[in-house]
Amino acid sequence: MTEFHLYMAQRLSALVMAPFVIVHIGVMIYAIQGGLSAAEILGRTQGSVFWFAFYGMFVIAVSIHASIGLRTILGEWAGLRGGMRDGASALIGLGLFALGAQAVWAVTA
């Protein structure tokens, strides 16, 4: 991918993430103010296709956004270039996706 395509992918992933962040924060505020326990929250999310899809898409957007951002940081701050920078950022993105997917599965399955 060219730098322009990566730039646009990061901006689009931010656009996708914004409503997810707002809904997530709203749900967390509602849960905390409502005094819901972890068990009660899991009781509402487990088996829910909606929450699986919601948080699954959130994880995908975050993984893309963060790995592109870290690619830039690795280039500017760590001085990595080319394949080393791209490989490291791709590995980080895959790691974020794997951890996020595991969390989504644990909460919704």
N, C-alpha and C. Protein backbone atom coordinates (compact mmCIF):
# COMPACT_ATOMS: atom_id res chain seq x y z
N MET A 1 0.84 -1.18 0.00
CA MET A 1 0.00 0.00 0.00
C MET A 1 0.89 1.25 0.00
N THR A 2 0.42 2.26 -0.65
CA THR A 2 1.16 3.51 -0.66
C THR A 2 0.89 4.27 0.64
N GLU A 3 1.71 5.26 0.89
CA GLU A 3 1.52 6.09 2.08
C GLU A 3 0.15 6.75 2.07
N PHE A 4 -0.30 7.17 0.90
CA PHE A 4 -1.62 7.80 0.79
C PHE A 4 -2.72 6.81 1.18
N HIS A 5 -2.62 5.58 0.72
CA HIS A 5 -3.63 4.58 1.04
C HIS A 5 -3.64 4.27 2.55
N LEU A 6 -2.47 4.21 3.14
CA LEU A 6 -2.40 3.99 4.58
C LEU A 6 -2.98 5.17 5.35
N TYR A 7 -2.68 6.37 4.89
CA TYR A 7 -3.22 7.59 5.49
C TYR A 7 -4.75 7.54 5.45
N MET A 8 -5.29 7.22 4.30
CA MET A 8 -6.75 7.17 4.15
C MET A 8 -7.35 6.03 4.97
N ALA A 9 -6.68 4.88 5.03
CA ALA A 9 -7.19 3.76 5.82
C ALA A 9 -7.24 4.13 7.30
N GLN A 10 -6.24 4.87 7.77
CA GLN A 10 -6.27 5.26 9.17
C GLN A 10 -7.39 6.26 9.43
N ARG A 11 -7.58 7.20 8.52
CA ARG A 11 -8.66 8.19 8.70
C ARG A 11 -10.02 7.52 8.64
N LEU A 12 -10.19 6.57 7.73
CA LEU A 12 -11.47 5.87 7.63
C LEU A 12 -11.72 4.98 8.86
N SER A 13 -10.67 4.36 9.35
CA SER A 13 -10.85 3.54 10.56
C SER A 13 -11.23 4.42 11.75
N ALA A 14 -10.69 5.63 11.81
CA ALA A 14 -11.08 6.56 12.88
C ALA A 14 -12.54 6.95 12.74
N LEU A 15 -12.98 7.16 11.51
CA LEU A 15 -14.37 7.49 11.25
C LEU A 15 -15.29 6.34 11.68
N VAL A 16 -14.87 5.13 11.44
CA VAL A 16 -15.65 3.95 11.83
C VAL A 16 -15.65 3.81 13.35
N MET A 17 -14.50 4.05 13.98
CA MET A 17 -14.38 3.87 15.43
C MET A 17 -15.20 4.86 16.23
N ALA A 18 -15.37 6.08 15.75
CA ALA A 18 -16.02 7.13 16.54
C ALA A 18 -17.38 6.72 17.10
N PRO A 19 -18.30 6.21 16.29
CA PRO A 19 -19.59 5.82 16.89
C PRO A 19 -19.46 4.64 17.85
N PHE A 20 -18.52 3.73 17.58
CA PHE A 20 -18.30 2.60 18.49
C PHE A 20 -17.84 3.10 19.86
N VAL A 21 -16.93 4.07 19.86
CA VAL A 21 -16.41 4.63 21.12
C VAL A 21 -17.54 5.30 21.90
N ILE A 22 -18.36 6.07 21.22
CA ILE A 22 -19.46 6.78 21.88
C ILE A 22 -20.45 5.79 22.49
N VAL A 23 -20.83 4.78 21.73
CA VAL A 23 -21.77 3.77 22.25
C VAL A 23 -21.13 3.00 23.40
N HIS A 24 -19.87 2.61 23.25
CA HIS A 24 -19.19 1.86 24.31
C HIS A 24 -19.15 2.66 25.61
N ILE A 25 -18.76 3.92 25.53
CA ILE A 25 -18.69 4.76 26.72
C ILE A 25 -20.08 4.94 27.33
N GLY A 26 -21.09 5.15 26.49
CA GLY A 26 -22.46 5.27 26.98
C GLY A 26 -22.94 4.03 27.70
N VAL A 27 -22.64 2.88 27.13
CA VAL A 27 -23.04 1.61 27.77
C VAL A 27 -22.31 1.42 29.09
N MET A 28 -21.02 1.77 29.13
CA MET A 28 -20.27 1.63 30.38
C MET A 28 -20.81 2.56 31.45
N ILE A 29 -21.15 3.79 31.09
CA ILE A 29 -21.72 4.73 32.07
C ILE A 29 -23.05 4.20 32.58
N TYR A 30 -23.88 3.69 31.66
CA TYR A 30 -25.18 3.12 32.04
C TYR A 30 -24.98 1.94 32.99
N ALA A 31 -24.05 1.07 32.69
CA ALA A 31 -23.81 -0.11 33.52
C ALA A 31 -23.32 0.27 34.91
N ILE A 32 -22.42 1.24 34.97
CA ILE A 32 -21.85 1.65 36.26
C ILE A 32 -22.91 2.37 37.10
N GLN A 33 -23.64 3.30 36.48
CA GLN A 33 -24.66 4.03 37.23
C GLN A 33 -25.82 3.13 37.63
N GLY A 34 -26.07 2.12 36.81
CA GLY A 34 -27.14 1.18 37.13
C GLY A 34 -26.72 0.16 38.18
N GLY A 35 -25.45 0.15 38.53
CA GLY A 35 -24.95 -0.76 39.55
C GLY A 35 -24.88 -2.20 39.10
N LEU A 36 -24.74 -2.42 37.81
CA LEU A 36 -24.67 -3.78 37.30
C LEU A 36 -23.35 -4.43 37.69
N SER A 37 -23.43 -5.68 38.07
CA SER A 37 -22.21 -6.44 38.38
C SER A 37 -21.66 -7.03 37.09
N ALA A 38 -20.44 -7.54 37.16
CA ALA A 38 -19.84 -8.19 36.00
C ALA A 38 -20.69 -9.36 35.54
N ALA A 39 -21.22 -10.12 36.49
CA ALA A 39 -22.07 -11.27 36.15
C ALA A 39 -23.33 -10.83 35.43
N GLU A 40 -23.92 -9.73 35.86
CA GLU A 40 -25.13 -9.21 35.21
C GLU A 40 -24.83 -8.72 33.79
N ILE A 41 -23.68 -8.07 33.63
CA ILE A 41 -23.29 -7.60 32.30
C ILE A 41 -23.07 -8.78 31.37
N LEU A 42 -22.35 -9.79 31.85
CA LEU A 42 -22.12 -10.99 31.03
C LEU A 42 -23.43 -11.70 30.72
N GLY A 43 -24.35 -11.68 31.64
CA GLY A 43 -25.66 -12.28 31.40
C GLY A 43 -26.40 -11.61 30.25
N ARG A 44 -26.13 -10.33 30.06
CA ARG A 44 -26.78 -9.60 28.97
C ARG A 44 -26.03 -9.71 27.65
N THR A 45 -24.73 -9.94 27.71
CA THR A 45 -23.94 -9.96 26.46
C THR A 45 -23.73 -11.36 25.91
N GLN A 46 -23.70 -12.36 26.76
CA GLN A 46 -23.43 -13.72 26.28
C GLN A 46 -24.57 -14.21 25.41
N GLY A 47 -24.19 -14.74 24.25
CA GLY A 47 -25.17 -15.23 23.29
C GLY A 47 -25.77 -14.16 22.41
N SER A 48 -25.33 -12.92 22.57
CA SER A 48 -25.89 -11.82 21.79
C SER A 48 -25.13 -11.64 20.47
N VAL A 49 -25.82 -11.84 19.37
CA VAL A 49 -25.23 -11.64 18.05
C VAL A 49 -24.93 -10.15 17.84
N PHE A 50 -25.81 -9.29 18.36
CA PHE A 50 -25.60 -7.85 18.21
C PHE A 50 -24.28 -7.41 18.85
N TRP A 51 -24.06 -7.79 20.12
CA TRP A 51 -22.84 -7.37 20.80
C TRP A 51 -21.61 -8.03 20.19
N PHE A 52 -21.74 -9.25 19.72
CA PHE A 52 -20.64 -9.91 19.02
C PHE A 52 -20.25 -9.12 17.78
N ALA A 53 -21.23 -8.75 16.97
CA ALA A 53 -20.96 -7.98 15.74
C ALA A 53 -20.44 -6.58 16.08
N PHE A 54 -21.05 -5.95 17.07
CA PHE A 54 -20.64 -4.59 17.46
C PHE A 54 -19.18 -4.58 17.89
N TYR A 55 -18.84 -5.40 18.87
CA TYR A 55 -17.47 -5.39 19.37
C TYR A 55 -16.49 -6.04 18.40
N GLY A 56 -16.96 -6.96 17.59
CA GLY A 56 -16.10 -7.54 16.55
C GLY A 56 -15.66 -6.49 15.54
N MET A 57 -16.60 -5.67 15.09
CA MET A 57 -16.25 -4.59 14.15
C MET A 57 -15.37 -3.54 14.83
N PHE A 58 -15.64 -3.29 16.10
CA PHE A 58 -14.83 -2.34 16.86
C PHE A 58 -13.38 -2.82 16.91
N VAL A 59 -13.19 -4.09 17.21
CA VAL A 59 -11.84 -4.66 17.29
C VAL A 59 -11.12 -4.57 15.94
N ILE A 60 -11.81 -4.85 14.87
CA ILE A 60 -11.20 -4.74 13.53
C ILE A 60 -10.75 -3.31 13.26
N ALA A 61 -11.63 -2.34 13.53
CA ALA A 61 -11.29 -0.94 13.28
C ALA A 61 -10.11 -0.49 14.14
N VAL A 62 -10.11 -0.87 15.41
CA VAL A 62 -9.02 -0.49 16.32
C VAL A 62 -7.70 -1.12 15.87
N SER A 63 -7.74 -2.38 15.47
CA SER A 63 -6.53 -3.06 15.04
C SER A 63 -5.91 -2.39 13.82
N ILE A 64 -6.74 -2.03 12.87
CA ILE A 64 -6.25 -1.34 11.67
C ILE A 64 -5.70 0.03 12.04
N HIS A 65 -6.48 0.78 12.79
CA HIS A 65 -6.09 2.15 13.15
C HIS A 65 -4.79 2.18 13.96
N ALA A 66 -4.71 1.33 14.96
CA ALA A 66 -3.53 1.33 15.84
C ALA A 66 -2.28 0.86 15.11
N SER A 67 -2.41 -0.17 14.28
CA SER A 67 -1.21 -0.68 13.61
C SER A 67 -0.66 0.33 12.60
N ILE A 68 -1.52 1.08 11.94
CA ILE A 68 -1.05 2.11 11.01
C ILE A 68 -0.39 3.24 11.79
N GLY A 69 -1.00 3.64 12.90
CA GLY A 69 -0.40 4.69 13.73
C GLY A 69 0.94 4.28 14.31
N LEU A 70 1.03 3.04 14.77
CA LEU A 70 2.30 2.55 15.31
C LEU A 70 3.36 2.41 14.22
N ARG A 71 2.94 2.12 13.00
CA ARG A 71 3.88 2.07 11.87
C ARG A 71 4.56 3.44 11.71
N THR A 72 3.77 4.48 11.81
CA THR A 72 4.32 5.84 11.70
C THR A 72 5.27 6.13 12.86
N ILE A 73 4.87 5.77 14.07
CA ILE A 73 5.72 5.99 15.24
C ILE A 73 7.02 5.21 15.12
N LEU A 74 6.93 3.96 14.68
CA LEU A 74 8.15 3.15 14.51
C LEU A 74 9.10 3.78 13.49
N GLY A 75 8.54 4.40 12.47
CA GLY A 75 9.37 5.06 11.48
C GLY A 75 10.00 6.35 11.99
N GLU A 76 9.20 7.15 12.70
CA GLU A 76 9.69 8.46 13.16
C GLU A 76 10.56 8.36 14.42
N TRP A 77 10.17 7.56 15.37
CA TRP A 77 10.87 7.54 16.65
C TRP A 77 11.91 6.43 16.74
N ALA A 78 11.59 5.27 16.20
CA ALA A 78 12.53 4.14 16.31
C ALA A 78 13.46 4.06 15.11
N GLY A 79 13.17 4.84 14.08
CA GLY A 79 14.02 4.85 12.90
C GLY A 79 13.91 3.61 12.02
N LEU A 80 12.87 2.82 12.23
CA LEU A 80 12.68 1.63 11.40
C LEU A 80 12.17 2.04 10.02
N ARG A 81 12.59 1.33 9.02
CA ARG A 81 12.18 1.62 7.64
C ARG A 81 11.84 0.32 6.94
N GLY A 82 11.09 0.45 5.86
CA GLY A 82 10.83 -0.66 4.96
C GLY A 82 10.15 -1.85 5.61
N GLY A 83 10.66 -3.02 5.28
CA GLY A 83 10.05 -4.27 5.71
C GLY A 83 10.05 -4.48 7.21
N MET A 84 11.08 -4.01 7.89
CA MET A 84 11.14 -4.16 9.35
C MET A 84 10.00 -3.37 10.00
N ARG A 85 9.81 -2.13 9.58
CA ARG A 85 8.74 -1.29 10.13
C ARG A 85 7.38 -1.88 9.78
N ASP A 86 7.20 -2.26 8.52
CA ASP A 86 5.91 -2.79 8.08
C ASP A 86 5.59 -4.12 8.76
N GLY A 87 6.60 -4.97 8.89
CA GLY A 87 6.40 -6.26 9.55
C GLY A 87 6.05 -6.11 11.01
N ALA A 88 6.76 -5.21 11.69
CA ALA A 88 6.50 -4.98 13.11
C ALA A 88 5.09 -4.44 13.33
N SER A 89 4.69 -3.48 12.50
CA SER A 89 3.36 -2.91 12.67
C SER A 89 2.28 -3.93 12.30
N ALA A 90 2.53 -4.75 11.30
CA ALA A 90 1.56 -5.80 10.94
C ALA A 90 1.44 -6.82 12.06
N LEU A 91 2.56 -7.19 12.67
CA LEU A 91 2.55 -8.14 13.77
C LEU A 91 1.79 -7.57 14.97
N ILE A 92 2.01 -6.30 15.26
CA ILE A 92 1.29 -5.64 16.36
C ILE A 92 -0.21 -5.61 16.05
N GLY A 93 -0.56 -5.26 14.81
CA GLY A 93 -1.97 -5.24 14.41
C GLY A 93 -2.62 -6.61 14.55
N LEU A 94 -1.92 -7.65 14.14
CA LEU A 94 -2.46 -9.01 14.28
C LEU A 94 -2.59 -9.40 15.75
N GLY A 95 -1.62 -8.98 16.55
CA GLY A 95 -1.70 -9.26 17.98
C GLY A 95 -2.88 -8.56 18.63
N LEU A 96 -3.09 -7.29 18.28
CA LEU A 96 -4.24 -6.56 18.81
C LEU A 96 -5.54 -7.23 18.38
N PHE A 97 -5.60 -7.64 17.11
CA PHE A 97 -6.80 -8.31 16.63
C PHE A 97 -7.04 -9.62 17.39
N ALA A 98 -5.99 -10.40 17.59
CA ALA A 98 -6.13 -11.69 18.29
C ALA A 98 -6.61 -11.48 19.72
N LEU A 99 -6.01 -10.52 20.43
CA LEU A 99 -6.43 -10.26 21.81
C LEU A 99 -7.86 -9.73 21.86
N GLY A 100 -8.19 -8.81 20.94
CA GLY A 100 -9.54 -8.26 20.91
C GLY A 100 -10.58 -9.31 20.57
N ALA A 101 -10.26 -10.16 19.59
CA ALA A 101 -11.19 -11.22 19.19
C ALA A 101 -11.41 -12.20 20.34
N GLN A 102 -10.36 -12.49 21.07
CA GLN A 102 -10.49 -13.38 22.23
C GLN A 102 -11.39 -12.74 23.29
N ALA A 103 -11.24 -11.45 23.52
CA ALA A 103 -12.07 -10.76 24.50
C ALA A 103 -13.53 -10.74 24.05
N VAL A 104 -13.76 -10.45 22.78
CA VAL A 104 -15.13 -10.42 22.25
C VAL A 104 -15.77 -11.80 22.41
N TRP A 105 -15.02 -12.84 22.07
CA TRP A 105 -15.53 -14.20 22.17
C TRP A 105 -15.87 -14.53 23.64
N ALA A 106 -15.00 -14.13 24.56
CA ALA A 106 -15.20 -14.43 25.98
C ALA A 106 -16.45 -13.74 26.53
N VAL A 107 -16.74 -12.56 26.04
CA VAL A 107 -17.86 -11.79 26.56
C VAL A 107 -19.19 -12.14 25.87
N THR A 108 -19.12 -12.60 24.64
CA THR A 108 -20.37 -12.82 23.90
C THR A 108 -20.71 -14.28 23.62
N ALA A 109 -19.76 -15.18 23.70
CA ALA A 109 -20.05 -16.57 23.34
C ALA A 109 -20.66 -17.34 24.50
